[in-house]
PDB file of N, CA and C in Angstrom:
ATOM      1  N   MET A   1     -51.568-108.947  23.747  1.00  0.00           N
ATOM      2  CA  MET A   1     -50.662-110.027  24.067  1.00  0.00           C
ATOM      3  C   MET A   1     -50.900-111.169  23.069  1.00  0.00           C
ATOM      4  N   LYS A   2     -49.809-111.666  22.506  1.00  0.00           N
ATOM      5  CA  LYS A   2     -49.873-112.812  21.593  1.00  0.00           C
ATOM      6  C   LYS A   2     -48.735-113.760  21.930  1.00  0.00           C
ATOM      7  N   PRO A   3     -48.953-115.053  21.702  1.00  0.00           N
ATOM      8  CA  PRO A   3     -47.854-115.992  21.936  1.00  0.00           C
ATOM      9  C   PRO A   3     -46.813-115.905  20.817  1.00  0.00           C
ATOM     10  N   VAL A   4     -45.528-115.886  21.203  1.00  0.00           N
ATOM     11  CA  VAL A   4     -44.428-115.817  20.248  1.00  0.00           C
ATOM     12  C   VAL A   4     -43.465-116.954  20.568  1.00  0.00           C
ATOM     13  N   TRP A   5     -43.039-117.688  19.545  1.00  0.00           N
ATOM     14  CA  TRP A   5     -42.120-118.815  19.707  1.00  0.00           C
ATOM     15  C   TRP A   5     -40.700-118.271  19.833  1.00  0.00           C
ATOM     16  N   ASN A   6     -39.994-118.615  20.915  1.00  0.00           N
ATOM     17  CA  ASN A   6     -38.625-118.132  21.121  1.00  0.00           C
ATOM     18  C   ASN A   6     -37.568-119.201  20.831  1.00  0.00           C
ATOM     19  N   GLY A   7     -37.963-120.329  20.262  1.00  0.00           N
ATOM     20  CA  GLY A   7     -37.037-121.398  19.941  1.00  0.00           C
ATOM     21  C   GLY A   7     -37.213-122.605  20.835  1.00  0.00           C
ATOM     22  N   LYS A   8     -37.755-122.392  22.025  1.00  0.00           N
ATOM     23  CA  LYS A   8     -37.974-123.486  22.971  1.00  0.00           C
ATOM     24  C   LYS A   8     -39.415-123.584  23.426  1.00  0.00           C
ATOM     25  N   GLU A   9     -40.081-122.423  23.544  1.00  0.00           N
ATOM     26  CA  GLU A   9     -41.453-122.404  24.040  1.00  0.00           C
ATOM     27  C   GLU A   9     -42.146-121.126  23.570  1.00  0.00           C
ATOM     28  N   PHE A  10     -43.451-121.126  23.733  1.00  0.00           N
ATOM     29  CA  PHE A  10     -44.217-119.924  23.440  1.00  0.00           C
ATOM     30  C   PHE A  10     -44.208-119.026  24.674  1.00  0.00           C
ATOM     31  N   VAL A  11     -43.951-117.747  24.462  1.00  0.00           N
ATOM     32  CA  VAL A  11     -43.978-116.778  25.554  1.00  0.00           C
ATOM     33  C   VAL A  11     -44.919-115.643  25.162  1.00  0.00           C
ATOM     34  N   PRO A  12     -45.647-115.075  26.136  1.00  0.00           N
ATOM     35  CA  PRO A  12     -46.538-113.958  25.805  1.00  0.00           C
ATOM     36  C   PRO A  12     -45.726-112.699  25.489  1.00  0.00           C
ATOM     37  N   ARG A  13     -46.190-111.971  24.501  1.00  0.00           N
ATOM     38  CA  ARG A  13     -45.484-110.758  24.087  1.00  0.00           C
ATOM     39  C   ARG A  13     -46.488-109.719  23.623  1.00  0.00           C
ATOM     40  N   LEU A  14     -46.228-108.469  23.958  1.00  0.00           N
ATOM     41  CA  LEU A  14     -47.081-107.383  23.471  1.00  0.00           C
ATOM     42  C   LEU A  14     -46.828-107.178  21.988  1.00  0.00           C
ATOM     43  N   MET A  15     -47.874-107.102  21.200  1.00  0.00           N
ATOM     44  CA  MET A  15     -47.752-106.914  19.758  1.00  0.00           C
ATOM     45  C   MET A  15     -48.565-105.688  19.362  1.00  0.00           C
ATOM     46  N   MET A  16     -48.011-104.894  18.444  1.00  0.00           N
ATOM     47  CA  MET A  16     -48.708-103.730  17.937  1.00  0.00           C
ATOM     48  C   MET A  16     -49.008-103.956  16.456  1.00  0.00           C
ATOM     49  N   PRO A  17     -50.283-103.976  16.089  1.00  0.00           N
ATOM     50  CA  PRO A  17     -50.607-104.130  14.661  1.00  0.00           C
ATOM     51  C   PRO A  17     -50.089-102.929  13.867  1.00  0.00           C
ATOM     52  N   LEU A  18     -49.531-103.205  12.699  1.00  0.00           N
ATOM     53  CA  LEU A  18     -48.987-102.154  11.842  1.00  0.00           C
ATOM     54  C   LEU A  18     -49.393-102.455  10.407  1.00  0.00           C
ATOM     55  N   SER A  19     -49.969-101.464   9.759  1.00  0.00           N
ATOM     56  CA  SER A  19     -50.333-101.650   8.358  1.00  0.00           C
ATOM     57  C   SER A  19     -49.946-100.395   7.574  1.00  0.00           C
ATOM     58  N   LEU A  20     -49.852-100.562   6.271  1.00  0.00           N
ATOM     59  CA  LEU A  20     -49.433 -99.475   5.401  1.00  0.00           C
ATOM     60  C   LEU A  20     -50.313 -99.485   4.156  1.00  0.00           C
ATOM     61  N   SER A  21     -50.831 -98.341   3.799  1.00  0.00           N
ATOM     62  CA  SER A  21     -51.618 -98.211   2.573  1.00  0.00           C
ATOM     63  C   SER A  21     -50.820 -97.394   1.572  1.00  0.00           C
ATOM     64  N   TYR A  22     -50.832 -97.829   0.328  1.00  0.00           N
ATOM     65  CA  TYR A  22     -50.107 -97.113  -0.711  1.00  0.00           C
ATOM     66  C   TYR A  22     -50.749 -97.410  -2.054  1.00  0.00           C
ATOM     67  N   ASP A  23     -50.458 -96.567  -3.014  1.00  0.00           N
ATOM     68  CA  ASP A  23     -51.004 -96.688  -4.356  1.00  0.00           C
ATOM     69  C   ASP A  23     -49.992 -97.457  -5.217  1.00  0.00           C
ATOM     70  N   HIS A  24     -50.375 -98.615  -5.725  1.00  0.00           N
ATOM     71  CA  HIS A  24     -49.476 -99.443  -6.530  1.00  0.00           C
ATOM     72  C   HIS A  24     -49.046 -98.761  -7.831  1.00  0.00           C
ATOM     73  N   ARG A  25     -49.783 -97.761  -8.247  1.00  0.00           N
ATOM     74  CA  ARG A  25     -49.402 -97.056  -9.466  1.00  0.00           C
ATOM     75  C   ARG A  25     -48.201 -96.146  -9.231  1.00  0.00           C
ATOM     76  N   VAL A  26     -47.963 -95.792  -7.950  1.00  0.00           N
ATOM     77  CA  VAL A  26     -46.885 -94.856  -7.619  1.00  0.00           C
ATOM     78  C   VAL A  26     -45.727 -95.555  -6.911  1.00  0.00           C
ATOM     79  N   ILE A  27     -46.036 -96.468  -5.986  1.00  0.00           N
ATOM     80  CA  ILE A  27     -45.017 -97.119  -5.156  1.00  0.00           C
ATOM     81  C   ILE A  27     -44.998 -98.613  -5.430  1.00  0.00           C
ATOM     82  N   ASP A  28     -43.802 -99.160  -5.633  1.00  0.00           N
ATOM     83  CA  ASP A  28     -43.629-100.590  -5.819  1.00  0.00           C
ATOM     84  C   ASP A  28     -43.919-101.310  -4.499  1.00  0.00           C
ATOM     85  N   GLY A  29     -44.619-102.428  -4.551  1.00  0.00           N
ATOM     86  CA  GLY A  29     -44.967-103.181  -3.358  1.00  0.00           C
ATOM     87  C   GLY A  29     -43.759-103.664  -2.575  1.00  0.00           C
ATOM     88  N   ALA A  30     -42.680-104.037  -3.260  1.00  0.00           N
ATOM     89  CA  ALA A  30     -41.472-104.504  -2.578  1.00  0.00           C
ATOM     90  C   ALA A  30     -40.849-103.370  -1.760  1.00  0.00           C
ATOM     91  N   SER A  31     -40.836-102.171  -2.290  1.00  0.00           N
ATOM     92  CA  SER A  31     -40.302-101.023  -1.546  1.00  0.00           C
ATOM     93  C   SER A  31     -41.147-100.737  -0.318  1.00  0.00           C
ATOM     94  N   ALA A  32     -42.442-100.832  -0.457  1.00  0.00           N
ATOM     95  CA  ALA A  32     -43.336-100.605   0.681  1.00  0.00           C
ATOM     96  C   ALA A  32     -43.132-101.672   1.752  1.00  0.00           C
ATOM     97  N   ALA A  33     -42.918-102.920   1.364  1.00  0.00           N
ATOM     98  CA  ALA A  33     -42.677-103.995   2.324  1.00  0.00           C
ATOM     99  C   ALA A  33     -41.353-103.774   3.050  1.00  0.00           C
ATOM    100  N   ARG A  34     -40.318-103.335   2.337  1.00  0.00           N
ATOM    101  CA  ARG A  34     -39.031-103.045   2.985  1.00  0.00           C
ATOM    102  C   ARG A  34     -39.179-101.902   3.982  1.00  0.00           C
ATOM    103  N   PHE A  35     -39.936-100.873   3.607  1.00  0.00           N
ATOM    104  CA  PHE A  35     -40.157 -99.750   4.515  1.00  0.00           C
ATOM    105  C   PHE A  35     -40.909-100.195   5.759  1.00  0.00           C
ATOM    106  N   THR A  36     -41.938-101.016   5.603  1.00  0.00           N
ATOM    107  CA  THR A  36     -42.698-101.501   6.748  1.00  0.00           C
ATOM    108  C   THR A  36     -41.815-102.324   7.682  1.00  0.00           C
ATOM    109  N   THR A  37     -40.954-103.162   7.121  1.00  0.00           N
ATOM    110  CA  THR A  37     -40.032-103.959   7.937  1.00  0.00           C
ATOM    111  C   THR A  37     -39.059-103.057   8.679  1.00  0.00           C
ATOM    112  N   TYR A  38     -38.509-102.062   7.992  1.00  0.00           N
ATOM    113  CA  TYR A  38     -37.581-101.120   8.622  1.00  0.00           C
ATOM    114  C   TYR A  38     -38.281-100.353   9.745  1.00  0.00           C
ATOM    115  N   LEU A  39     -39.490 -99.882   9.496  1.00  0.00           N
ATOM    116  CA  LEU A  39     -40.238 -99.129  10.499  1.00  0.00           C
ATOM    117  C   LEU A  39     -40.510 -99.986  11.730  1.00  0.00           C
ATOM    118  N   ALA A  40     -40.856-101.238  11.537  1.00  0.00           N
ATOM    119  CA  ALA A  40     -41.086-102.146  12.662  1.00  0.00           C
ATOM    120  C   ALA A  40     -39.805-102.343  13.470  1.00  0.00           C
ATOM    121  N   GLN A  41     -38.655-102.436  12.804  1.00  0.00           N
ATOM    122  CA  GLN A  41     -37.374-102.589  13.506  1.00  0.00           C
ATOM    123  C   GLN A  41     -37.041-101.340  14.317  1.00  0.00           C
ATOM    124  N   VAL A  42     -37.308-100.161  13.761  1.00  0.00           N
ATOM    125  CA  VAL A  42     -37.034 -98.913  14.476  1.00  0.00           C
ATOM    126  C   VAL A  42     -37.937 -98.792  15.694  1.00  0.00           C
ATOM    127  N   ILE A  43     -39.203 -99.136  15.541  1.00  0.00           N
ATOM    128  CA  ILE A  43     -40.128 -99.065  16.671  1.00  0.00           C
ATOM    129  C   ILE A  43     -39.732-100.068  17.749  1.00  0.00           C
ATOM    130  N   ALA A  44     -39.268-101.248  17.345  1.00  0.00           N
ATOM    131  CA  ALA A  44     -38.884-102.280  18.311  1.00  0.00           C
ATOM    132  C   ALA A  44     -37.641-101.875  19.091  1.00  0.00           C
ATOM    133  N   ASP A  45     -36.720-101.123  18.487  1.00  0.00           N
ATOM    134  CA  ASP A  45     -35.496-100.695  19.153  1.00  0.00           C
ATOM    135  C   ASP A  45     -35.392 -99.174  19.013  1.00  0.00           C
ATOM    136  N   LEU A  46     -35.938 -98.444  19.977  1.00  0.00           N
ATOM    137  CA  LEU A  46     -35.997 -96.984  19.874  1.00  0.00           C
ATOM    138  C   LEU A  46     -34.623 -96.345  19.856  1.00  0.00           C
ATOM    139  N   ARG A  47     -33.608 -96.999  20.407  1.00  0.00           N
ATOM    140  CA  ARG A  47     -32.253 -96.432  20.354  1.00  0.00           C
ATOM    141  C   ARG A  47     -31.802 -96.298  18.908  1.00  0.00           C
ATOM    142  N   ARG A  48     -32.205 -97.232  18.053  1.00  0.00           N
ATOM    143  CA  ARG A  48     -31.845 -97.173  16.632  1.00  0.00           C
ATOM    144  C   ARG A  48     -32.484 -95.973  15.949  1.00  0.00           C
ATOM    145  N   GLY A  49     -33.695 -95.637  16.355  1.00  0.00           N
ATOM    146  CA  GLY A  49     -34.396 -94.503  15.777  1.00  0.00           C
ATOM    147  C   GLY A  49     -33.796 -93.163  16.148  1.00  0.00           C
ATOM    148  N   MET A  50     -33.048 -93.124  17.257  1.00  0.00           N
ATOM    149  CA  MET A  50     -32.439 -91.877  17.700  1.00  0.00           C
ATOM    150  C   MET A  50     -31.159 -91.551  16.938  1.00  0.00           C
ATOM    151  N   LEU A  51     -30.615 -92.508  16.202  1.00  0.00           N
ATOM    152  CA  LEU A  51     -29.373 -92.271  15.458  1.00  0.00           C
ATOM    153  C   LEU A  51     -29.587 -91.443  14.227  1.00  0.00           C
TER     154      LEU A  51
END
């Protein structure tokens, strides 16, 4: 549980740590960051992952 700001107040929210390891010689860091963001969005909304 971590506090998250919703625009008016802090509310408790379950958070899952997510990290990604990659070799900079093979994968560009910007691509890896986009993938991590996309993966977090899919995990947050499982209906999106089913499409």
